[in-house]
Amino acid sequence: HWRGRLFETRWLLWVFVWAVPLPYIANQVGWIAAEVGRQPWVVYGLL
């Protein structure tokens, strides 16, 4: 974009079109790591 060539770089624009599921996946697996990593506790160290 700084070089003024972003919107002519069609392959990269297609990457952004199809990349939209990836941040959804990243948010989901981040929570999986946090919540599964807490097990076997639902309240850590107490319950």
All heavy atoms as atom14 arrays in JSON, in Angstrom:
{
  "sequence": "HWRGRLFETRWLLWVFVWAVPLPYIANQVGWIAAEVGRQPWVVYGLL",
  "atom14_mask": [
    [1, 1, 1, 1, 1, 1, 1, 1, 1, 1, 0, 0, 0, 0],
    [1, 1, 1, 1, 1, 1, 1, 1, 1, 1, 1, 1, 1, 1],
    [1, 1, 1, 1, 1, 1, 1, 1, 1, 1, 1, 0, 0, 0],
    [1, 1, 1, 1, 0, 0, 0, 0, 0, 0, 0, 0, 0, 0],
    [1, 1, 1, 1, 1, 1, 1, 1, 1, 1, 1, 0, 0, 0],
    [1, 1, 1, 1, 1, 1, 1, 1, 0, 0, 0, 0, 0, 0],
    [1, 1, 1, 1, 1, 1, 1, 1, 1, 1, 1, 0, 0, 0],
    [1, 1, 1, 1, 1, 1, 1, 1, 1, 0, 0, 0, 0, 0],
    [1, 1, 1, 1, 1, 1, 1, 0, 0, 0, 0, 0, 0, 0],
    [1, 1, 1, 1, 1, 1, 1, 1, 1, 1, 1, 0, 0, 0],
    [1, 1, 1, 1, 1, 1, 1, 1, 1, 1, 1, 1, 1, 1],
    [1, 1, 1, 1, 1, 1, 1, 1, 0, 0, 0, 0, 0, 0],
    [1, 1, 1, 1, 1, 1, 1, 1, 0, 0, 0, 0, 0, 0],
    [1, 1, 1, 1, 1, 1, 1, 1, 1, 1, 1, 1, 1, 1],
    [1, 1, 1, 1, 1, 1, 1, 0, 0, 0, 0, 0, 0, 0],
    [1, 1, 1, 1, 1, 1, 1, 1, 1, 1, 1, 0, 0, 0],
    [1, 1, 1, 1, 1, 1, 1, 0, 0, 0, 0, 0, 0, 0],
    [1, 1, 1, 1, 1, 1, 1, 1, 1, 1, 1, 1, 1, 1],
    [1, 1, 1, 1, 1, 0, 0, 0, 0, 0, 0, 0, 0, 0],
    [1, 1, 1, 1, 1, 1, 1, 0, 0, 0, 0, 0, 0, 0],
    [1, 1, 1, 1, 1, 1, 1, 0, 0, 0, 0, 0, 0, 0],
    [1, 1, 1, 1, 1, 1, 1, 1, 0, 0, 0, 0, 0, 0],
    [1, 1, 1, 1, 1, 1, 1, 0, 0, 0, 0, 0, 0, 0],
    [1, 1, 1, 1, 1, 1, 1, 1, 1, 1, 1, 1, 0, 0],
    [1, 1, 1, 1, 1, 1, 1, 1, 0, 0, 0, 0, 0, 0],
    [1, 1, 1, 1, 1, 0, 0, 0, 0, 0, 0, 0, 0, 0],
    [1, 1, 1, 1, 1, 1, 1, 1, 0, 0, 0, 0, 0, 0],
    [1, 1, 1, 1, 1, 1, 1, 1, 1, 0, 0, 0, 0, 0],
    [1, 1, 1, 1, 1, 1, 1, 0, 0, 0, 0, 0, 0, 0],
    [1, 1, 1, 1, 0, 0, 0, 0, 0, 0, 0, 0, 0, 0],
    [1, 1, 1, 1, 1, 1, 1, 1, 1, 1, 1, 1, 1, 1],
    [1, 1, 1, 1, 1, 1, 1, 1, 0, 0, 0, 0, 0, 0],
    [1, 1, 1, 1, 1, 0, 0, 0, 0, 0, 0, 0, 0, 0],
    [1, 1, 1, 1, 1, 0, 0, 0, 0, 0, 0, 0, 0, 0],
    [1, 1, 1, 1, 1, 1, 1, 1, 1, 0, 0, 0, 0, 0],
    [1, 1, 1, 1, 1, 1, 1, 0, 0, 0, 0, 0, 0, 0],
    [1, 1, 1, 1, 0, 0, 0, 0, 0, 0, 0, 0, 0, 0],
    [1, 1, 1, 1, 1, 1, 1, 1, 1, 1, 1, 0, 0, 0],
    [1, 1, 1, 1, 1, 1, 1, 1, 1, 0, 0, 0, 0, 0],
    [1, 1, 1, 1, 1, 1, 1, 0, 0, 0, 0, 0, 0, 0],
    [1, 1, 1, 1, 1, 1, 1, 1, 1, 1, 1, 1, 1, 1],
    [1, 1, 1, 1, 1, 1, 1, 0, 0, 0, 0, 0, 0, 0],
    [1, 1, 1, 1, 1, 1, 1, 0, 0, 0, 0, 0, 0, 0],
    [1, 1, 1, 1, 1, 1, 1, 1, 1, 1, 1, 1, 0, 0],
    [1, 1, 1, 1, 0, 0, 0, 0, 0, 0, 0, 0, 0, 0],
    [1, 1, 1, 1, 1, 1, 1, 1, 0, 0, 0, 0, 0, 0],
    [1, 1, 1, 1, 1, 1, 1, 1, 0, 0, 0, 0, 0, 0]
  ],
  "atom14_positions": [
    [[0.84, -1.2, 0.0], [0.0, 0.0, 0.0], [0.88, 1.25, 0.0], [0.59, 2.22, -0.72], [-0.92, -0.02, 1.22], [-1.97, 1.04, 1.2], [-1.71, 2.36, 1.55], [-3.29, 1.01, 0.87], [-2.81, 3.07, 1.44], [-3.79, 2.29, 1.03], [0.0, 0.0, 0.0], [0.0, 0.0, 0.0], [0.0, 0.0, 0.0], [0.0, 0.0, 0.0]],
    [[1.93, 1.24, 0.79], [2.85, 2.38, 0.83], [3.52, 2.58, -0.52], [3.74, 3.73, -0.94], [3.88, 2.13, 1.93], [4.9, 3.23, 2.04], [4.7, 4.51, 2.47], [6.29, 3.12, 1.71], [5.87, 5.2, 2.44], [6.87, 4.39, 1.97], [7.1, 2.1, 1.23], [8.23, 4.65, 1.76], [8.44, 2.35, 1.03], [8.99, 3.62, 1.29]],
    [[3.78, 1.49, -1.25], [4.39, 1.58, -2.57], [3.36, 1.88, -3.66], [3.74, 2.06, -4.82], [5.1, 0.27, -2.91], [6.27, -0.08, -1.99], [7.44, 0.88, -2.19], [7.94, 0.84, -3.54], [8.86, -0.02, -3.98], [9.39, -0.92, -3.14], [9.28, 0.02, -5.23], [0.0, 0.0, 0.0], [0.0, 0.0, 0.0], [0.0, 0.0, 0.0]],
    [[2.07, 1.9, -3.29], [1.03, 2.19, -4.27], [0.67, 1.02, -5.17], [0.1, 1.22, -6.24], [0.0, 0.0, 0.0], [0.0, 0.0, 0.0], [0.0, 0.0, 0.0], [0.0, 0.0, 0.0], [0.0, 0.0, 0.0], [0.0, 0.0, 0.0], [0.0, 0.0, 0.0], [0.0, 0.0, 0.0], [0.0, 0.0, 0.0], [0.0, 0.0, 0.0]],
    [[1.0, -0.23, -4.75], [0.77, -1.38, -5.61], [-0.21, -2.39, -5.01], [-0.43, -3.45, -5.6], [2.1, -2.1, -5.9], [3.18, -1.21, -6.5], [4.17, -2.03, -7.31], [4.6, -3.23, -6.65], [5.74, -3.36, -5.96], [6.55, -2.31, -5.83], [6.09, -4.5, -5.41], [0.0, 0.0, 0.0], [0.0, 0.0, 0.0], [0.0, 0.0, 0.0]],
    [[-0.78, -2.07, -3.86], [-1.6, -3.07, -3.17], [-2.79, -3.5, -4.01], [-3.02, -4.71, -4.2], [-2.09, -2.5, -1.82], [-3.12, -3.37, -1.08], [-2.52, -4.73, -0.74], [-3.6, -2.67, 0.19], [0.0, 0.0, 0.0], [0.0, 0.0, 0.0], [0.0, 0.0, 0.0], [0.0, 0.0, 0.0], [0.0, 0.0, 0.0], [0.0, 0.0, 0.0]],
    [[-3.55, -2.58, -4.52], [-4.8, -2.93, -5.18], [-4.59, -3.44, -6.6], [-5.56, -3.79, -7.28], [-5.75, -1.73, -5.15], [-6.11, -1.32, -3.75], [-5.7, -0.1, -3.23], [-6.84, -2.17, -2.94], [-6.03, 0.27, -1.93], [-7.17, -1.82, -1.63], [-6.76, -0.6, -1.14], [0.0, 0.0, 0.0], [0.0, 0.0, 0.0], [0.0, 0.0, 0.0]],
    [[-3.34, -3.49, -7.04], [-3.02, -4.17, -8.31], [-2.47, -5.56, -8.06], [-2.27, -6.32, -9.01], [-2.01, -3.35, -9.11], [-2.58, -2.08, -9.74], [-2.86, -1.0, -8.71], [-1.98, -0.77, -7.86], [-3.94, -0.39, -8.76], [0.0, 0.0, 0.0], [0.0, 0.0, 0.0], [0.0, 0.0, 0.0], [0.0, 0.0, 0.0], [0.0, 0.0, 0.0]],
    [[-2.2, -5.91, -6.82], [-1.65, -7.22, -6.48], [-2.81, -8.17, -6.22], [-3.21, -8.42, -5.08], [-0.72, -7.12, -5.25], [0.21, -6.05, -5.43], [0.03, -8.43, -5.03], [0.0, 0.0, 0.0], [0.0, 0.0, 0.0], [0.0, 0.0, 0.0], [0.0, 0.0, 0.0], [0.0, 0.0, 0.0], [0.0, 0.0, 0.0], [0.0, 0.0, 0.0]],
    [[-3.35, -8.71, -7.28], [-4.6, -9.46, -7.18], [-4.46, -10.75, -6.36], [-5.38, -11.13, -5.65], [-5.13, -9.78, -8.59], [-5.55, -8.54, -9.37], [-6.06, -8.9, -10.76], [-7.27, -9.7, -10.71], [-8.5, -9.21, -10.61], [-8.67, -7.91, -10.52], [-9.54, -10.01, -10.59], [0.0, 0.0, 0.0], [0.0, 0.0, 0.0], [0.0, 0.0, 0.0]],
    [[-3.31, -11.41, -6.46], [-3.17, -12.66, -5.72], [-3.27, -12.41, -4.22], [-3.87, -13.23, -3.48], [-1.86, -13.35, -6.07], [-0.62, -12.65, -5.54], [0.15, -11.75, -6.2], [-0.04, -12.82, -4.24], [1.19, -11.32, -5.41], [1.1, -11.97, -4.19], [-0.35, -13.58, -3.12], [1.91, -11.87, -3.06], [0.46, -13.48, -1.99], [1.58, -12.64, -1.98]],
    [[-2.72, -11.29, -3.74], [-2.79, -11.0, -2.31], [-4.21, -10.62, -1.9], [-4.66, -11.0, -0.81], [-1.81, -9.87, -1.97], [-1.71, -9.5, -0.48], [-1.29, -10.71, 0.35], [-0.75, -8.34, -0.27], [0.0, 0.0, 0.0], [0.0, 0.0, 0.0], [0.0, 0.0, 0.0], [0.0, 0.0, 0.0], [0.0, 0.0, 0.0], [0.0, 0.0, 0.0]],
    [[-4.92, -9.91, -2.76], [-6.31, -9.58, -2.45], [-7.14, -10.86, -2.35], [-8.02, -10.97, -1.47], [-6.88, -8.66, -3.52], [-6.27, -7.26, -3.6], [-6.89, -6.48, -4.75], [-6.45, -6.5, -2.28], [0.0, 0.0, 0.0], [0.0, 0.0, 0.0], [0.0, 0.0, 0.0], [0.0, 0.0, 0.0], [0.0, 0.0, 0.0], [0.0, 0.0, 0.0]],
    [[-6.87, -11.84, -3.22], [-7.59, -13.11, -3.11], [-7.25, -13.82, -1.8], [-8.11, -14.48, -1.19], [-7.28, -14.01, -4.29], [-8.09, -13.72, -5.52], [-7.66, -13.28, -6.74], [-9.52, -13.84, -5.64], [-8.7, -13.11, -7.6], [-9.86, -13.44, -6.96], [-10.54, -14.23, -4.77], [-11.19, -13.46, -7.41], [-11.85, -14.22, -5.22], [-12.15, -13.85, -6.52]],
    [[-6.0, -13.7, -1.36], [-5.63, -14.29, -0.06], [-6.46, -13.67, 1.05], [-6.98, -14.38, 1.94], [-4.13, -14.08, 0.2], [-3.78, -14.45, 1.65], [-3.28, -14.92, -0.76], [0.0, 0.0, 0.0], [0.0, 0.0, 0.0], [0.0, 0.0, 0.0], [0.0, 0.0, 0.0], [0.0, 0.0, 0.0], [0.0, 0.0, 0.0], [0.0, 0.0, 0.0]],
    [[-6.64, -12.35, 1.03], [-7.44, -11.71, 2.06], [-8.91, -12.1, 1.97], [-9.59, -12.21, 3.0], [-7.29, -10.19, 1.98], [-6.08, -9.66, 2.67], [-4.95, -9.27, 1.94], [-6.03, -9.57, 4.04], [-3.82, -8.79, 2.58], [-4.9, -9.09, 4.69], [-3.79, -8.7, 3.96], [0.0, 0.0, 0.0], [0.0, 0.0, 0.0], [0.0, 0.0, 0.0]],
    [[-9.41, -12.3, 0.75], [-10.8, -12.74, 0.61], [-11.03, -14.06, 1.33], [-12.0, -14.24, 2.07], [-11.18, -12.86, -0.88], [-12.52, -13.57, -1.04], [-11.24, -11.49, -1.53], [0.0, 0.0, 0.0], [0.0, 0.0, 0.0], [0.0, 0.0, 0.0], [0.0, 0.0, 0.0], [0.0, 0.0, 0.0], [0.0, 0.0, 0.0], [0.0, 0.0, 0.0]],
    [[-10.11, -15.01, 1.11], [-10.3, -16.35, 1.65], [-9.69, -16.54, 3.03], [-9.87, -17.6, 3.65], [-9.71, -17.39, 0.69], [-10.46, -17.45, -0.6], [-10.08, -16.98, -1.82], [-11.76, -18.01, -0.8], [-11.04, -17.19, -2.76], [-12.1, -17.82, -2.16], [-12.69, -18.63, 0.06], [-13.31, -18.26, -2.69], [-13.9, -19.06, -0.48], [-14.19, -18.87, -1.83]],
    [[-8.98, -15.52, 3.54], [-8.35, -15.65, 4.86], [-9.3, -15.36, 6.01], [-8.93, -15.54, 7.17], [-7.15, -14.7, 4.96], [0.0, 0.0, 0.0], [0.0, 0.0, 0.0], [0.0, 0.0, 0.0], [0.0, 0.0, 0.0], [0.0, 0.0, 0.0], [0.0, 0.0, 0.0], [0.0, 0.0, 0.0], [0.0, 0.0, 0.0], [0.0, 0.0, 0.0]],
    [[-10.52, -14.93, 5.71], [-11.42, -14.5, 6.78], [-11.72, -15.6, 7.81], [-11.92, -15.28, 8.99], [-12.72, -13.91, 6.18], [-13.55, -14.95, 5.48], [-13.54, -13.19, 7.25], [0.0, 0.0, 0.0], [0.0, 0.0, 0.0], [0.0, 0.0, 0.0], [0.0, 0.0, 0.0], [0.0, 0.0, 0.0], [0.0, 0.0, 0.0], [0.0, 0.0, 0.0]],
    [[-11.76, -16.9, 7.47], [-12.0, -17.89, 8.54], [-10.84, -18.0, 9.53], [-11.05, -18.46, 10.66], [-12.18, -19.21, 7.78], [-12.45, -18.83, 6.37], [-11.72, -17.55, 6.15], [0.0, 0.0, 0.0], [0.0, 0.0, 0.0], [0.0, 0.0, 0.0], [0.0, 0.0, 0.0], [0.0, 0.0, 0.0], [0.0, 0.0, 0.0], [0.0, 0.0, 0.0]],
    [[-9.64, -17.61, 9.12], [-8.47, -17.86, 9.96], [-8.5, -17.12, 11.3], [-8.19, -17.73, 12.34], [-7.19, -17.53, 9.19], [-6.95, -18.35, 7.91], [-5.65, -17.94, 7.24], [-6.97, -19.84, 8.23], [0.0, 0.0, 0.0], [0.0, 0.0, 0.0], [0.0, 0.0, 0.0], [0.0, 0.0, 0.0], [0.0, 0.0, 0.0], [0.0, 0.0, 0.0]],
    [[-8.84, -15.83, 11.36], [-8.92, -15.2, 12.68], [-10.05, -15.77, 13.54], [-9.94, -15.77, 14.78], [-9.14, -13.72, 12.36], [-9.6, -13.67, 10.96], [-8.99, -14.84, 10.28], [0.0, 0.0, 0.0], [0.0, 0.0, 0.0], [0.0, 0.0, 0.0], [0.0, 0.0, 0.0], [0.0, 0.0, 0.0], [0.0, 0.0, 0.0], [0.0, 0.0, 0.0]],
    [[-11.12, -16.25, 12.91], [-12.15, -16.94, 13.69], [-11.56, -18.19, 14.34], [-11.79, -18.47, 15.52], [-13.33, -17.33, 12.79], [-14.28, -16.2, 12.49], [-14.17, -15.46, 11.32], [-15.31, -15.89, 13.37], [-15.05, -14.43, 11.04], [-16.2, -14.86, 13.09], [-16.07, -14.13, 11.93], [-16.94, -13.1, 11.66], [0.0, 0.0, 0.0], [0.0, 0.0, 0.0]],
    [[-10.8, -18.95, 13.55], [-10.16, -20.16, 14.08], [-9.19, -19.79, 15.19], [-9.13, -20.45, 16.24], [-9.45, -20.93, 12.96], [-10.48, -21.46, 11.96], [-8.62, -22.07, 13.52], [-9.86, -22.06, 10.7], [0.0, 0.0, 0.0], [0.0, 0.0, 0.0], [0.0, 0.0, 0.0], [0.0, 0.0, 0.0], [0.0, 0.0, 0.0], [0.0, 0.0, 0.0]],
    [[-8.4, -18.74, 14.98], [-7.41, -18.34, 15.99], [-8.09, -17.96, 17.31], [-7.61, -18.33, 18.39], [-6.59, -17.15, 15.46], [0.0, 0.0, 0.0], [0.0, 0.0, 0.0], [0.0, 0.0, 0.0], [0.0, 0.0, 0.0], [0.0, 0.0, 0.0], [0.0, 0.0, 0.0], [0.0, 0.0, 0.0], [0.0, 0.0, 0.0], [0.0, 0.0, 0.0]],
    [[-9.19, -17.23, 17.24], [-9.91, -16.88, 18.47], [-10.49, -18.12, 19.15], [-10.45, -18.22, 20.39], [-11.04, -15.89, 18.14], [-10.57, -14.46, 18.07], [-10.61, -13.73, 19.05], [-10.1, -14.04, 16.91], [0.0, 0.0, 0.0], [0.0, 0.0, 0.0], [0.0, 0.0, 0.0], [0.0, 0.0, 0.0], [0.0, 0.0, 0.0], [0.0, 0.0, 0.0]],
    [[-10.99, -19.05, 18.37], [-11.57, -20.26, 18.95], [-10.51, -21.12, 19.63], [-10.68, -21.55, 20.77], [-12.3, -21.05, 17.87], [-13.51, -20.37, 17.27], [-14.73, -20.4, 18.18], [-14.78, -21.19, 19.13], [-15.7, -19.55, 17.9], [0.0, 0.0, 0.0], [0.0, 0.0, 0.0], [0.0, 0.0, 0.0], [0.0, 0.0, 0.0], [0.0, 0.0, 0.0]],
    [[-9.39, -21.36, 18.92], [-8.38, -22.25, 19.52], [-7.67, -21.58, 20.68], [-7.16, -22.25, 21.59], [-7.37, -22.72, 18.45], [-8.06, -23.58, 17.4], [-6.64, -21.55, 17.8], [0.0, 0.0, 0.0], [0.0, 0.0, 0.0], [0.0, 0.0, 0.0], [0.0, 0.0, 0.0], [0.0, 0.0, 0.0], [0.0, 0.0, 0.0], [0.0, 0.0, 0.0]],
    [[-7.62, -20.24, 20.68], [-7.07, -19.57, 21.85], [-7.88, -19.84, 23.1], [-7.34, -20.1, 24.18], [0.0, 0.0, 0.0], [0.0, 0.0, 0.0], [0.0, 0.0, 0.0], [0.0, 0.0, 0.0], [0.0, 0.0, 0.0], [0.0, 0.0, 0.0], [0.0, 0.0, 0.0], [0.0, 0.0, 0.0], [0.0, 0.0, 0.0], [0.0, 0.0, 0.0]],
    [[-9.21, -19.81, 22.94], [-10.07, -20.12, 24.08], [-10.0, -21.59, 24.43], [-10.09, -21.96, 25.62], [-11.51, -19.71, 23.78], [-11.76, -18.27, 24.1], [-11.86, -17.23, 23.23], [-11.91, -17.7, 25.4], [-12.05, -16.06, 23.9], [-12.09, -16.31, 25.23], [-11.89, -18.23, 26.68], [-12.26, -15.44, 26.31], [-12.06, -17.37, 27.76], [-12.25, -16.0, 27.56]],
    [[-9.86, -22.47, 23.45], [-9.71, -23.89, 23.75], [-8.47, -24.12, 24.59], [-8.5, -24.86, 25.59], [-9.65, -24.7, 22.44], [-11.02, -24.71, 21.75], [-9.19, -26.14, 22.72], [-11.01, -25.33, 20.37], [0.0, 0.0, 0.0], [0.0, 0.0, 0.0], [0.0, 0.0, 0.0], [0.0, 0.0, 0.0], [0.0, 0.0, 0.0], [0.0, 0.0, 0.0]],
    [[-7.36, -23.5, 24.21], [-6.13, -23.66, 24.99], [-6.32, -23.16, 26.42], [-5.84, -23.79, 27.38], [-4.98, -22.91, 24.31], [0.0, 0.0, 0.0], [0.0, 0.0, 0.0], [0.0, 0.0, 0.0], [0.0, 0.0, 0.0], [0.0, 0.0, 0.0], [0.0, 0.0, 0.0], [0.0, 0.0, 0.0], [0.0, 0.0, 0.0], [0.0, 0.0, 0.0]],
    [[-7.01, -22.03, 26.57], [-7.2, -21.45, 27.91], [-8.12, -22.31, 28.77], [-7.85, -22.53, 29.96], [-7.75, -20.04, 27.79], [0.0, 0.0, 0.0], [0.0, 0.0, 0.0], [0.0, 0.0, 0.0], [0.0, 0.0, 0.0], [0.0, 0.0, 0.0], [0.0, 0.0, 0.0], [0.0, 0.0, 0.0], [0.0, 0.0, 0.0], [0.0, 0.0, 0.0]],
    [[-9.23, -22.79, 28.18], [-10.23, -23.5, 28.97], [-9.88, -24.97, 29.17], [-10.06, -25.5, 30.27], [-11.6, -23.36, 28.3], [-12.09, -21.93, 28.2], [-12.1, -21.23, 29.54], [-12.75, -21.71, 30.49], [-11.42, -20.19, 29.66], [0.0, 0.0, 0.0], [0.0, 0.0, 0.0], [0.0, 0.0, 0.0], [0.0, 0.0, 0.0], [0.0, 0.0, 0.0]],
    [[-9.4, -25.64, 28.14], [-8.98, -27.03, 28.32], [-7.74, -27.09, 29.21], [-7.6, -28.0, 30.03], [-8.72, -27.69, 26.95], [-8.16, -29.11, 27.12], [-10.01, -27.76, 26.14], [0.0, 0.0, 0.0], [0.0, 0.0, 0.0], [0.0, 0.0, 0.0], [0.0, 0.0, 0.0], [0.0, 0.0, 0.0], [0.0, 0.0, 0.0], [0.0, 0.0, 0.0]],
    [[-6.86, -26.1, 29.08], [-5.67, -26.06, 29.92], [-5.97, -25.85, 31.39], [-5.12, -26.12, 32.24], [0.0, 0.0, 0.0], [0.0, 0.0, 0.0], [0.0, 0.0, 0.0], [0.0, 0.0, 0.0], [0.0, 0.0, 0.0], [0.0, 0.0, 0.0], [0.0, 0.0, 0.0], [0.0, 0.0, 0.0], [0.0, 0.0, 0.0], [0.0, 0.0, 0.0]],
    [[-7.17, -25.38, 31.72], [-7.57, -25.19, 33.12], [-8.02, -26.49, 33.76], [-8.05, -26.62, 34.99], [-8.72, -24.18, 33.17], [-9.28, -23.95, 34.55], [-10.42, -22.97, 34.52], [-11.45, -23.31, 33.55], [-12.6, -22.67, 33.44], [-12.86, -21.64, 34.21], [-13.49, -23.03, 32.53], [0.0, 0.0, 0.0], [0.0, 0.0, 0.0], [0.0, 0.0, 0.0]],
    [[-8.42, -27.47, 32.94], [-8.94, -28.72, 33.48], [-7.87, -29.42, 34.32], [-6.67, -29.21, 34.11], [-9.4, -29.62, 32.33], [-10.49, -29.0, 31.49], [-11.71, -28.63, 32.3], [-12.15, -29.4, 33.17], [-12.27, -27.46, 32.03], [0.0, 0.0, 0.0], [0.0, 0.0, 0.0], [0.0, 0.0, 0.0], [0.0, 0.0, 0.0], [0.0, 0.0, 0.0]],
    [[-8.3, -30.21, 35.3], [-9.65, -30.69, 35.59], [-10.47, -29.77, 36.5], [-11.41, -30.23, 37.14], [-9.37, -32.02, 36.3], [-8.11, -31.75, 37.07], [-7.3, -30.84, 36.19], [0.0, 0.0, 0.0], [0.0, 0.0, 0.0], [0.0, 0.0, 0.0], [0.0, 0.0, 0.0], [0.0, 0.0, 0.0], [0.0, 0.0, 0.0], [0.0, 0.0, 0.0]],
    [[-10.1, -28.48, 36.54], [-10.77, -27.55, 37.44], [-11.73, -26.65, 36.68], [-11.4, -26.14, 35.62], [-9.73, -26.67, 38.14], [-8.66, -27.43, 38.86], [-7.4, -27.71, 38.4], [-8.76, -28.02, 40.15], [-6.71, -28.44, 39.33], [-7.52, -28.65, 40.42], [-9.77, -28.11, 41.11], [-7.27, -29.33, 41.61], [-9.52, -28.78, 42.3], [-8.28, -29.38, 42.54]],
    [[-12.92, -26.45, 37.25], [-13.8, -25.43, 36.72], [-13.55, -24.11, 37.43], [-13.68, -23.04, 36.85], [-15.29, -25.86, 36.81], [-15.75, -25.95, 38.25], [-16.17, -24.92, 36.02], [0.0, 0.0, 0.0], [0.0, 0.0, 0.0], [0.0, 0.0, 0.0], [0.0, 0.0, 0.0], [0.0, 0.0, 0.0], [0.0, 0.0, 0.0], [0.0, 0.0, 0.0]],
    [[-13.18, -24.16, 38.71], [-12.6, -23.03, 39.44], [-11.24, -23.5, 39.9], [-11.14, -24.4, 40.73], [-13.47, -22.58, 40.63], [-12.82, -21.4, 41.34], [-14.88, -22.22, 40.18], [0.0, 0.0, 0.0], [0.0, 0.0, 0.0], [0.0, 0.0, 0.0], [0.0, 0.0, 0.0], [0.0, 0.0, 0.0], [0.0, 0.0, 0.0], [0.0, 0.0, 0.0]],
    [[-10.2, -22.89, 39.39], [-8.85, -23.44, 39.48], [-8.43, -23.67, 40.93], [-8.4, -22.74, 41.74], [-7.86, -22.5, 38.8], [-6.51, -23.13, 38.53], [-6.36, -24.05, 37.5], [-5.41, -22.82, 39.31], [-5.14, -24.63, 37.24], [-4.17, -23.4, 39.06], [-4.04, -24.31, 38.03], [-2.83, -24.9, 37.78], [0.0, 0.0, 0.0], [0.0, 0.0, 0.0]],
    [[-8.13, -24.93, 41.24], [-7.66, -25.3, 42.56], [-8.73, -25.43, 43.61], [-8.43, -25.8, 44.75], [0.0, 0.0, 0.0], [0.0, 0.0, 0.0], [0.0, 0.0, 0.0], [0.0, 0.0, 0.0], [0.0, 0.0, 0.0], [0.0, 0.0, 0.0], [0.0, 0.0, 0.0], [0.0, 0.0, 0.0], [0.0, 0.0, 0.0], [0.0, 0.0, 0.0]],
    [[-10.0, -25.14, 43.26], [-11.07, -25.14, 44.26], [-12.2, -26.11, 43.93], [-12.68, -26.82, 44.82], [-11.64, -23.72, 44.41], [-10.7, -22.65, 44.96], [-11.39, -21.29, 44.91], [-10.29, -22.99, 46.38], [0.0, 0.0, 0.0], [0.0, 0.0, 0.0], [0.0, 0.0, 0.0], [0.0, 0.0, 0.0], [0.0, 0.0, 0.0], [0.0, 0.0, 0.0]],
    [[-12.67, -26.11, 42.69], [-13.82, -26.93, 42.32], [-13.52, -27.67, 41.03], [-13.25, -27.04, 40.0], [-15.06, -26.06, 42.15], [-16.35, -26.78, 41.75], [-16.8, -27.74, 42.86], [-17.46, -25.8, 41.41], [0.0, 0.0, 0.0], [0.0, 0.0, 0.0], [0.0, 0.0, 0.0], [0.0, 0.0, 0.0], [0.0, 0.0, 0.0], [0.0, 0.0, 0.0]]
  ]
}
